[in-house]
Protein backbone atom coordinates (compact mmCIF):
# COMPACT_ATOMS: atom_id res chain seq x y z
CA MET A 1 1.14 -39.26 2.78
CA PHE A 2 4.04 -40.25 0.47
CA LEU A 3 2.39 -38.49 -2.48
CA ALA A 4 1.80 -35.33 -0.47
CA LEU A 5 5.39 -35.42 0.78
CA ASN A 6 6.80 -35.70 -2.72
CA GLN A 7 4.57 -32.90 -4.01
CA GLN A 8 6.04 -30.75 -1.24
CA TRP A 9 9.54 -31.72 -2.35
CA THR A 10 8.65 -30.76 -5.93
CA LEU A 11 7.54 -27.34 -4.71
CA LEU A 12 10.76 -26.97 -2.71
CA VAL A 13 12.77 -27.78 -5.85
CA VAL A 14 10.89 -25.07 -7.75
CA VAL A 15 11.33 -22.50 -4.98
CA ALA A 16 15.05 -23.29 -4.76
CA VAL A 17 15.49 -22.74 -8.51
CA GLN A 18 13.50 -19.52 -8.37
CA THR A 19 15.87 -17.95 -5.87
CA THR A 20 17.93 -17.25 -8.97
CA SER A 21 15.01 -15.12 -10.16
CA ILE A 22 15.37 -12.98 -7.04
CA SER A 23 18.89 -12.14 -8.22
CA ILE A 24 17.47 -11.34 -11.67
CA GLY A 25 15.06 -8.85 -10.12
CA MET A 26 17.83 -7.27 -8.08
CA GLY A 27 19.91 -6.84 -11.22
CA GLN A 28 17.03 -5.37 -13.20
CA GLY A 29 15.94 -2.92 -10.52
CA PHE A 30 19.37 -1.85 -9.31
CA SER A 31 19.84 0.97 -11.81
CA ALA A 32 16.61 2.65 -10.63
CA VAL A 33 18.11 3.22 -7.17
CA LEU A 34 21.77 3.46 -8.18
CA LEU A 35 21.43 6.35 -10.62
CA PRO A 36 19.71 8.83 -8.24
CA GLN A 37 22.42 8.17 -5.62
CA LEU A 38 25.19 8.71 -8.14
CA GLU A 39 23.88 12.19 -8.96
CA ASN A 40 25.18 13.46 -5.63
CA SER A 41 28.43 11.50 -5.70
CA SER A 42 31.94 12.01 -7.06
CA PHE A 43 31.25 9.80 -10.09
CA ASN A 44 30.16 12.75 -12.30
CA VAL A 45 27.20 10.95 -13.89
CA ASP A 46 25.37 12.69 -16.73
CA SER A 47 22.38 11.47 -18.78
CA GLU A 48 24.58 9.57 -21.26
CA THR A 49 26.52 7.86 -18.51
CA SER A 50 23.28 6.99 -16.73
CA SER A 51 21.87 5.35 -19.84
CA TRP A 52 25.03 3.23 -20.14
CA ILE A 53 24.97 2.19 -16.49
CA ALA A 54 21.34 1.13 -16.90
CA SER A 55 21.72 -0.57 -20.27
CA LEU A 56 25.03 -2.34 -19.53
CA GLY A 57 22.99 -4.49 -17.18
CA VAL A 58 21.22 -5.75 -20.30
CA ILE A 59 23.74 -5.57 -23.17
CA SER A 60 25.61 -8.66 -21.96
CA THR A 61 22.42 -10.56 -21.15
CA PRO A 62 21.98 -11.90 -24.73
CA ILE A 63 25.48 -13.37 -24.54
CA GLY A 64 24.65 -15.02 -21.23
CA ALA A 65 21.37 -16.37 -22.59
CA LEU A 66 23.11 -17.86 -25.62
CA ALA A 67 25.75 -19.39 -23.36
CA SER A 68 23.02 -20.88 -21.18
CA GLY A 69 21.46 -22.56 -24.21
CA LEU A 70 24.74 -24.20 -25.16
CA LEU A 71 25.62 -25.15 -21.58
CA ALA A 72 22.15 -26.58 -20.96
CA GLU A 73 22.82 -29.14 -23.70
CA VAL A 74 26.39 -29.89 -22.62
CA ILE A 75 26.49 -29.86 -18.80
CA GLY A 76 22.77 -30.00 -18.09
CA ARG A 77 19.96 -27.70 -16.99
CA LYS A 78 20.71 -27.86 -13.27
CA TRP A 79 24.44 -27.17 -13.51
CA THR A 80 23.83 -24.29 -15.92
CA ILE A 81 21.53 -22.67 -13.36
CA GLU A 82 24.06 -23.39 -10.61
CA SER A 83 26.85 -21.70 -12.57
CA THR A 84 24.89 -18.42 -12.88
CA GLY A 85 25.90 -17.65 -9.31
CA ILE A 86 29.54 -17.16 -10.32
CA PRO A 87 29.06 -14.07 -12.55
CA PHE A 88 26.39 -12.76 -10.18
CA LEU A 89 28.85 -12.86 -7.28
CA LEU A 90 31.68 -11.30 -9.30
CA GLY A 91 29.50 -8.50 -10.66
CA TRP A 92 28.00 -7.52 -7.30
CA ILE A 93 31.40 -7.58 -5.59
CA LEU A 94 32.86 -5.28 -8.26
CA MET A 95 30.06 -2.78 -7.70
CA ALA A 96 30.32 -3.07 -3.91
CA VAL A 97 33.98 -1.97 -4.02
CA ALA A 98 33.63 0.36 -7.04
CA GLN A 99 36.02 3.31 -7.08
CA SER A 100 35.14 4.68 -10.52
CA GLN A 101 32.56 4.48 -13.31
CA LEU A 102 34.62 1.74 -14.98
CA TRP A 103 34.05 -0.56 -12.02
CA LEU A 104 30.31 0.08 -12.21
CA TYR A 105 30.32 -0.59 -15.95
CA ALA A 106 32.12 -3.90 -15.41
CA GLY A 107 29.85 -4.93 -12.55
CA ARG A 108 26.68 -4.15 -14.48
CA PHE A 109 28.00 -5.97 -17.56
CA ILE A 110 28.85 -9.12 -15.60
CA THR A 111 25.57 -9.25 -13.66
CA GLY A 112 23.75 -8.77 -16.95
CA PHE A 113 25.56 -11.82 -18.31
CA ALA A 114 24.37 -13.79 -15.26
CA ILE A 115 20.77 -12.69 -15.83
CA GLY A 116 20.96 -14.14 -19.33
CA MET A 117 22.37 -17.43 -18.09
CA ALA A 118 19.39 -17.77 -15.75
CA ALA A 119 17.14 -18.35 -18.79
CA ALA A 120 17.85 -22.06 -18.27
CA CYS A 121 15.47 -21.92 -15.29
CA TYR A 122 12.44 -21.92 -17.59
CA VAL A 123 13.62 -25.01 -19.47
CA TYR A 124 14.37 -26.84 -16.23
CA LEU A 125 10.99 -26.00 -14.70
CA ALA A 126 9.09 -26.97 -17.86
CA GLU A 127 10.81 -30.36 -17.83
CA ILE A 128 10.19 -31.23 -14.17
CA SER A 129 6.57 -30.02 -13.93
CA ARG A 130 3.31 -31.79 -14.67
CA PRO A 131 1.35 -30.31 -17.61
CA ASP A 132 -1.40 -29.04 -15.30
CA GLU A 133 1.02 -27.27 -12.96
CA ARG A 134 3.70 -26.15 -15.42
CA GLY A 135 2.25 -22.65 -15.72
CA LEU A 136 2.17 -22.09 -11.97
CA MET A 137 5.71 -23.37 -11.46
CA ALA A 138 7.13 -21.14 -14.18
CA ALA A 139 4.99 -18.17 -13.11
CA LEU A 140 6.68 -18.24 -9.71
CA GLY A 141 9.71 -16.87 -11.57
CA PRO A 142 8.19 -13.41 -12.16
CA VAL A 143 6.97 -13.46 -8.55
CA CYS A 144 10.55 -13.91 -7.37
CA VAL A 145 11.82 -11.35 -9.90
CA SER A 146 9.29 -8.88 -8.49
CA LEU A 147 10.46 -9.72 -4.98
CA GLY A 148 14.03 -9.00 -6.05
CA VAL A 149 13.01 -5.67 -7.60
CA LEU A 150 11.13 -4.68 -4.43
CA MET A 151 14.06 -5.71 -2.23
CA VAL A 152 16.56 -3.63 -4.19
CA TYR A 153 14.18 -0.63 -4.40
CA SER A 154 13.74 -0.77 -0.63
CA MET A 155 17.46 -1.19 0.03
CA GLY A 156 18.17 1.78 -2.21
CA TYR A 157 15.86 3.94 -0.10
CA PHE A 158 17.31 2.90 3.26
CA MET A 159 21.00 2.20 2.55
CA ASP A 160 23.96 3.17 0.38
CA TRP A 161 24.31 1.36 -2.95
CA HIS A 162 27.65 -0.17 -1.89
CA LEU A 163 25.94 -2.02 0.96
CA SER A 164 23.02 -2.93 -1.31
CA SER A 165 25.51 -4.63 -3.64
CA VAL A 166 26.82 -6.72 -0.74
CA VAL A 167 23.30 -7.92 0.10
CA CYS A 168 22.73 -8.84 -3.57
CA ALA A 169 25.99 -10.82 -3.58
CA ALA A 170 24.84 -12.72 -0.50
CA MET A 171 21.61 -13.64 -2.29
CA ALA A 172 23.57 -15.07 -5.22
CA ALA A 173 25.74 -17.14 -2.87
CA PHE A 174 22.65 -18.52 -1.14
CA SER A 175 21.17 -19.60 -4.48
CA MET A 176 24.33 -21.44 -5.46
CA PHE A 177 24.30 -23.31 -2.16
CA ILE A 178 20.74 -24.65 -2.31
CA ILE A 179 20.67 -25.38 -6.07
CA TYR A 180 23.67 -27.68 -5.60
CA PHE A 181 21.38 -30.23 -3.92
CA LEU A 182 18.69 -30.32 -6.65
CA PRO A 183 18.22 -33.19 -9.16
CA GLU A 184 18.81 -32.85 -12.91
CA SER A 185 15.71 -32.76 -15.12
CA PRO A 186 14.45 -36.22 -16.21
CA PRO A 187 14.28 -35.39 -19.97
CA TYR A 188 17.90 -34.26 -19.96
CA LEU A 189 19.00 -37.37 -18.08
CA ALA A 190 17.09 -39.56 -20.52
CA SER A 191 18.61 -37.73 -23.51
CA LYS A 192 22.04 -38.72 -22.16
CA GLY A 193 21.05 -42.38 -21.82
CA LYS A 194 20.59 -42.25 -18.03
CA TYR A 195 17.14 -43.82 -18.16
CA HIS A 196 17.09 -45.39 -14.71
CA LYS A 197 18.21 -42.18 -13.06
CA ALA A 198 15.58 -40.22 -15.01
CA GLN A 199 12.94 -42.73 -13.85
CA ASP A 200 14.09 -42.36 -10.23
CA VAL A 201 13.89 -38.54 -10.39
CA LEU A 202 10.42 -38.69 -11.94
CA THR A 203 9.26 -41.10 -9.23
CA PHE A 204 10.63 -38.76 -6.59
CA LEU A 205 8.97 -35.70 -8.12
CA ARG A 206 5.61 -37.33 -8.82
CA GLY A 207 5.35 -39.52 -5.74
CA SER A 208 3.91 -42.34 -7.83
CA ALA A 209 5.78 -45.04 -9.73
CA ASP A 210 2.84 -45.54 -12.10
CA GLU A 211 2.59 -41.85 -12.97
CA ALA A 212 6.35 -41.64 -13.39
CA GLU A 213 6.36 -44.64 -15.74
CA LYS A 214 3.60 -43.16 -17.85
CA GLU A 215 5.42 -39.82 -18.11
CA MET A 216 8.68 -41.59 -18.84
CA THR A 217 7.05 -43.10 -21.92
CA GLN A 218 6.31 -39.60 -23.22
CA VAL A 219 9.85 -38.46 -22.43
CA LEU A 220 11.27 -41.37 -24.43
CA GLN A 221 9.12 -40.38 -27.43
CA SER A 222 11.05 -37.12 -27.56
CA VAL A 223 14.39 -38.72 -26.75
CA ASN A 224 14.07 -41.19 -29.62
CA LYS A 225 14.05 -38.25 -32.04
CA THR A 226 17.33 -36.86 -30.72
CA LYS A 227 19.64 -39.85 -31.10
CA LYS A 228 22.68 -39.99 -33.37
CA LEU A 229 22.38 -36.47 -34.80
CA THR A 230 25.48 -34.90 -36.31
CA TRP A 231 26.04 -31.17 -35.84
CA GLN A 232 24.84 -30.52 -39.38
CA GLU A 233 21.71 -32.59 -38.75
CA TYR A 234 21.20 -30.82 -35.45
CA MET A 235 21.33 -27.40 -37.13
CA GLY A 236 19.10 -28.73 -39.90
CA GLN A 237 16.30 -29.18 -37.38
CA VAL A 238 15.36 -25.56 -38.06
CA LYS A 239 13.35 -26.89 -41.03
CA ASP A 240 11.10 -28.78 -38.62
CA PRO A 241 7.76 -26.93 -38.13
CA ALA A 242 8.05 -27.77 -34.43
CA VAL A 243 11.18 -25.58 -34.37
CA TRP A 244 10.71 -22.67 -36.76
CA LYS A 245 7.08 -21.99 -35.93
CA PRO A 246 7.64 -21.47 -32.19
CA PHE A 247 10.81 -19.50 -32.96
CA ILE A 248 8.91 -16.94 -35.03
CA ILE A 249 6.01 -16.80 -32.57
CA LEU A 250 8.26 -16.23 -29.58
CA ILE A 251 10.39 -13.58 -31.29
CA VAL A 252 7.32 -11.52 -32.19
CA PHE A 253 5.83 -12.11 -28.75
CA PHE A 254 8.98 -10.79 -27.09
CA LEU A 255 9.07 -7.76 -29.40
CA CYS A 256 5.52 -7.00 -28.31
CA GLN A 257 6.47 -7.41 -24.67
CA GLU A 258 9.47 -5.07 -24.84
CA GLY A 259 7.64 -2.53 -27.00
CA SER A 260 4.87 -2.17 -24.41
CA GLY A 261 7.19 -0.21 -22.10
CA MET A 262 7.15 -2.57 -19.12
CA TYR A 263 10.94 -2.76 -18.86
CA VAL A 264 11.28 1.01 -19.15
CA ILE A 265 9.27 1.23 -15.93
CA VAL A 266 11.52 -1.36 -14.25
CA TYR A 267 14.86 0.21 -15.24
CA TYR A 268 13.85 3.89 -15.08
CA ALA A 269 11.13 3.87 -12.44
CA THR A 270 12.37 6.89 -10.45
CA ASP A 271 13.19 8.95 -13.55
CA LEU A 272 9.91 8.13 -15.31
CA PHE A 273 7.79 9.06 -12.30
CA GLN A 274 9.70 12.32 -12.02
CA ASN A 275 8.90 13.09 -15.67
CA VAL A 276 5.17 12.33 -15.50
CA GLY A 277 4.91 14.41 -12.35
CA PRO A 278 5.61 12.87 -8.94
CA VAL A 279 2.75 12.69 -6.47
CA LEU A 280 5.05 11.47 -3.69
CA ASP A 281 8.81 11.23 -3.44
CA SER A 282 9.93 9.42 -6.60
CA SER A 283 11.82 6.79 -4.60
CA VAL A 284 8.72 6.11 -2.51
CA GLU A 285 6.68 5.77 -5.71
CA SER A 286 9.22 3.22 -6.97
CA ILE A 287 8.80 1.19 -3.78
CA ILE A 288 5.00 1.35 -4.17
CA VAL A 289 5.34 0.02 -7.70
CA GLY A 290 7.65 -2.70 -6.40
CA VAL A 291 5.02 -3.77 -3.85
CA VAL A 292 2.32 -3.71 -6.53
CA ARG A 293 4.49 -5.84 -8.83
CA LEU A 294 5.03 -8.43 -6.12
CA VAL A 295 1.38 -8.68 -5.06
CA VAL A 296 0.01 -8.79 -8.59
CA SER A 297 2.67 -11.27 -9.74
CA ILE A 298 1.32 -13.68 -7.13
CA ILE A 299 -2.20 -13.13 -8.45
CA GLY A 300 -0.88 -13.51 -11.98
CA ALA A 301 0.72 -16.86 -11.10
CA ALA A 302 -2.65 -18.11 -9.89
CA CYS A 303 -4.34 -16.83 -13.05
CA ILE A 304 -1.80 -18.56 -15.30
CA GLN A 305 -2.62 -21.80 -13.52
CA ARG A 306 -6.36 -21.29 -14.01
CA PHE A 307 -6.76 -19.51 -17.36
CA GLY A 308 -5.38 -20.09 -20.85
CA ARG A 309 -2.29 -18.36 -22.15
CA ARG A 310 -4.16 -16.61 -24.96
CA THR A 311 -6.90 -15.30 -22.68
CA LEU A 312 -4.42 -13.77 -20.23
CA ALA A 313 -2.25 -12.28 -22.98
CA MET A 314 -5.21 -10.54 -24.62
CA PHE A 315 -6.59 -9.34 -21.28
CA ALA A 316 -3.22 -7.91 -20.27
CA SER A 317 -2.69 -6.25 -23.67
CA ILE A 318 -6.00 -4.42 -23.47
CA GLY A 319 -5.26 -3.10 -19.98
CA MET A 320 -1.71 -2.06 -20.85
CA GLY A 321 -2.85 -0.26 -23.99
CA LEU A 322 -5.57 1.66 -22.17
CA SER A 323 -3.30 2.66 -19.28
CA MET A 324 -0.55 4.01 -21.54
CA ALA A 325 -3.13 5.80 -23.68
CA GLY A 326 -4.52 7.46 -20.56
CA ALA A 327 -1.10 8.57 -19.34
CA SER A 328 -0.20 9.81 -22.82
CA GLY A 329 -3.40 11.81 -23.24
CA TYR A 330 -3.05 13.45 -19.83
CA THR A 331 0.61 14.30 -20.41
CA TYR A 332 -0.22 15.79 -23.83
CA ALA A 333 -2.99 17.93 -22.37
CA TYR A 334 -1.24 19.12 -19.20
CA GLY A 335 2.47 18.59 -19.86
CA ASP A 336 3.19 22.33 -19.89
CA VAL A 337 1.07 23.07 -16.83
CA ALA A 338 2.72 23.40 -13.42
CA GLN A 339 2.37 20.28 -11.29
CA ASP A 340 0.28 21.96 -8.59
CA ASP A 341 -2.09 23.48 -11.16
CA ARG A 342 -2.95 20.21 -12.92
CA PRO A 343 -6.36 18.65 -12.27
CA TYR A 344 -6.14 15.15 -10.82
CA ASN A 345 -2.34 15.33 -10.93
CA TYR A 346 -2.12 11.76 -9.58
CA PHE A 347 -3.77 10.39 -12.76
CA PRO A 348 -0.60 9.58 -14.81
CA PHE A 349 0.97 7.84 -11.81
CA VAL A 350 -2.19 5.75 -11.37
CA CYS A 351 -2.08 4.88 -15.09
CA LEU A 352 1.51 3.66 -14.84
CA VAL A 353 0.69 1.60 -11.75
CA PHE A 354 -2.27 0.10 -13.62
CA HIS A 355 0.09 -0.71 -16.50
CA VAL A 356 2.34 -2.58 -14.08
CA ILE A 357 -0.68 -4.46 -12.70
CA MET A 358 -1.85 -5.54 -16.14
CA SER A 359 1.65 -6.52 -17.31
CA MET A 360 2.04 -8.77 -14.26
CA MET A 361 -1.26 -10.46 -15.10
CA GLY A 362 0.29 -12.17 -18.08
CA MET A 363 2.47 -10.29 -20.53
CA LEU A 364 5.61 -10.29 -18.43
CA GLN A 365 5.48 -14.00 -17.60
CA LEU A 366 4.04 -15.63 -20.71
CA PRO A 367 6.84 -15.29 -23.30
CA TRP A 368 9.39 -16.66 -20.82
CA LEU A 369 7.08 -19.43 -19.68
CA MET A 370 6.19 -20.50 -23.23
CA MET A 371 9.86 -20.53 -24.25
CA GLY A 372 10.23 -23.66 -22.14
CA GLU A 373 7.04 -25.17 -23.54
CA LEU A 374 7.08 -24.70 -27.31
CA PHE A 375 10.37 -26.21 -28.47
CA PRO A 376 10.92 -30.00 -28.81
CA LEU A 377 13.39 -31.70 -26.48
CA LYS A 378 16.02 -32.20 -29.18
CA VAL A 379 16.63 -28.44 -29.49
CA ARG A 380 14.92 -27.08 -26.36
CA GLY A 381 18.08 -25.99 -24.57
CA LEU A 382 19.78 -24.37 -27.55
CA MET A 383 16.68 -22.71 -29.06
CA SER A 384 15.56 -21.39 -25.70
CA GLY A 385 19.01 -19.88 -25.31
CA ILE A 386 18.85 -18.27 -28.74
CA VAL A 387 15.36 -16.87 -28.20
CA SER A 388 16.13 -15.56 -24.71
CA SER A 389 19.34 -14.04 -26.10
CA LEU A 390 17.35 -12.11 -28.71
CA ALA A 391 14.74 -11.16 -26.11
CA TYR A 392 17.39 -9.61 -23.88
CA LEU A 393 18.85 -7.84 -26.90
CA PHE A 394 15.42 -6.24 -27.40
CA ILE A 395 15.36 -5.24 -23.72
CA PHE A 396 18.79 -3.66 -24.06
CA ALA A 397 17.64 -1.68 -27.09
CA ILE A 398 14.56 -0.26 -25.38
CA VAL A 399 16.49 0.55 -22.18
CA LYS A 400 19.37 2.19 -24.05
CA ILE A 401 17.21 4.36 -26.32
CA TYR A 402 14.82 5.47 -23.56
CA PRO A 403 16.44 8.95 -23.38
CA ASN A 404 16.28 9.16 -27.18
CA LEU A 405 12.61 8.21 -27.22
CA MET A 406 11.95 11.00 -24.75
CA ALA A 407 13.82 13.43 -27.02
CA TRP A 408 12.28 12.24 -30.30
CA PHE A 409 8.65 11.80 -29.30
CA GLN A 410 8.41 13.74 -26.03
CA LEU A 411 6.92 11.99 -23.04
CA TRP A 412 3.35 11.82 -24.34
CA GLY A 413 4.46 10.47 -27.73
CA MET A 414 6.60 7.75 -26.16
CA LEU A 415 3.71 6.63 -23.97
CA ALA A 416 1.42 6.63 -27.02
CA LEU A 417 3.94 4.41 -28.83
CA PHE A 418 3.83 1.93 -25.96
CA SER A 419 0.05 1.96 -26.13
CA GLY A 420 0.09 1.27 -29.88
CA VAL A 421 2.39 -1.72 -29.42
CA SER A 422 -0.04 -3.15 -26.85
CA VAL A 423 -2.86 -2.89 -29.38
CA PHE A 424 -0.73 -4.72 -31.94
CA THR A 425 -0.02 -7.39 -29.32
CA LEU A 426 -3.75 -8.00 -28.92
CA VAL A 427 -4.07 -8.65 -32.66
CA PHE A 428 -1.00 -10.88 -32.76
CA VAL A 429 -2.13 -13.01 -29.82
CA TYR A 430 -5.62 -13.47 -31.27
CA PHE A 431 -4.38 -14.71 -34.64
CA PHE A 432 -1.08 -16.46 -33.94
CA LEU A 433 -0.39 -17.40 -30.33
CA PRO A 434 -1.08 -21.10 -29.59
CA GLU A 435 -2.74 -22.36 -26.42
CA THR A 436 -0.47 -24.58 -24.30
CA GLN A 437 -2.31 -24.66 -21.00
CA GLY A 438 -2.76 -28.25 -19.80
CA PHE A 439 -0.89 -29.91 -22.69
CA SER A 440 2.14 -32.14 -22.26
CA LEU A 441 5.36 -31.07 -23.97
CA ILE A 442 5.13 -33.93 -26.47
CA GLU A 443 1.54 -32.92 -27.35
CA ILE A 444 2.65 -29.34 -27.97
CA GLU A 445 5.49 -30.58 -30.16
CA ASN A 446 3.20 -32.84 -32.20
CA ASN A 447 0.60 -30.12 -32.74
CA PHE A 448 3.17 -27.91 -34.45
CA ARG A 449 3.72 -30.70 -36.96
CA LYS A 450 0.11 -31.12 -38.01
CA GLY A 451 -0.16 -30.92 -41.75
CA SER A 452 3.55 -31.65 -42.21
CA LYS A 453 5.27 -34.91 -43.15
CA ALA A 454 6.01 -35.62 -39.53
CA GLU A 455 4.53 -38.51 -37.64
CA ALA A 456 0.75 -38.37 -37.66
CA VAL A 457 -0.98 -37.58 -34.37
CA GLU A 458 -4.55 -37.51 -33.21
CA PRO A 459 -6.03 -34.08 -34.02
CA ASP A 460 -6.84 -31.97 -30.99
CA PRO A 461 -9.72 -29.53 -31.58
CA VAL A 462 -8.82 -27.44 -28.51
CA TYR A 463 -5.18 -26.75 -29.37
CA ILE A 464 -5.33 -24.21 -32.21
CA LEU A 465 -2.27 -22.88 -33.97
CA ARG A 466 -2.90 -20.26 -36.63
CA VAL A 467 0.39 -20.40 -38.49
């Protein structure tokens, strides 16, 4: 009974943290409903202004992610997540009372900063979860992001964007309230010399003193490598294979993710469906995609718990590549034909929905999940902040140049580009992405050091790293 009770408390901790992901989804999806409403307002929004309103929600995100990495090492994982509510609240309030484009720019910029700060969630969840449940716990993040996207899509259909901003602000306030009561992660506590408190939190989370003691031994193995480091020594850790290898892998993995077009669909859903040829009202199609994202993200979370990271990444890449190729080919063949005269005119919309389905089966979640898995404790907070900062910079780039891609390559060419990146992702995953499913964080760290001068470890024939 005690074990079951504590497992329930662990799940409640995870759900509480993931409410921040709902705010992330609201921030990411807001431009898709805001921009169509602004077209008929006094804000005089043109295509250039629209691209800035959409992309300003991302341009500040790298700064927030970098700040989260630094704060996670200084004030802790929990308090970094807690503090994300402050810029979320400020940004949503500015947009709720916006009187000009400048107010919208400021609101989008500040909420984008908050989205970046929320990257600390993945580090926190990786550090409080068991190895066999770490994937599921982290995969709940994209589920909650999808819920946030669906909520803001739906609000945009039924209510004015000012009121939608108020609801989003209320969500951020709720997150701040419940996260206040959560414990700090045991590895962070141990790294600060609070061993007894770390042991108590582990016992609470695991529901077993014996299991907590065993895991505490592994935590201390990582902690022992972090003591008495000067700033120069800390920065010198980049030479460690357990640091530079995952850094390169994650950067390429994120480039593949952004280049597949999944965030273009999130930020420009209504506009993109209008361009490929709407079957229904474009806003209704956006809501349908939001529902699909939510449902499939739940399925994807279950799959991440059951299947390996590499298997899911390759499966998702194949599906995403085929779906974008199908939409590109159809648009190339019938792009100049009137909508009512096209055969199977619902086909490109179905392809884009299938792309969303396949992305939620692995490619959207995995880079973020693995960011909290691959780095050693001594640099996990900072390096995760740096990587997530660069990842959000990539998202900003693809969101900002979306109108340019449409102009340079036309719609069919842009979709073909997304398909080609998915094919490249398949190759990259097969040759370079390591498997982390079921491995403890210390085992992952040690496997990156195989063949180096680091401490020898027992070879693991299942964990393969082709770097």
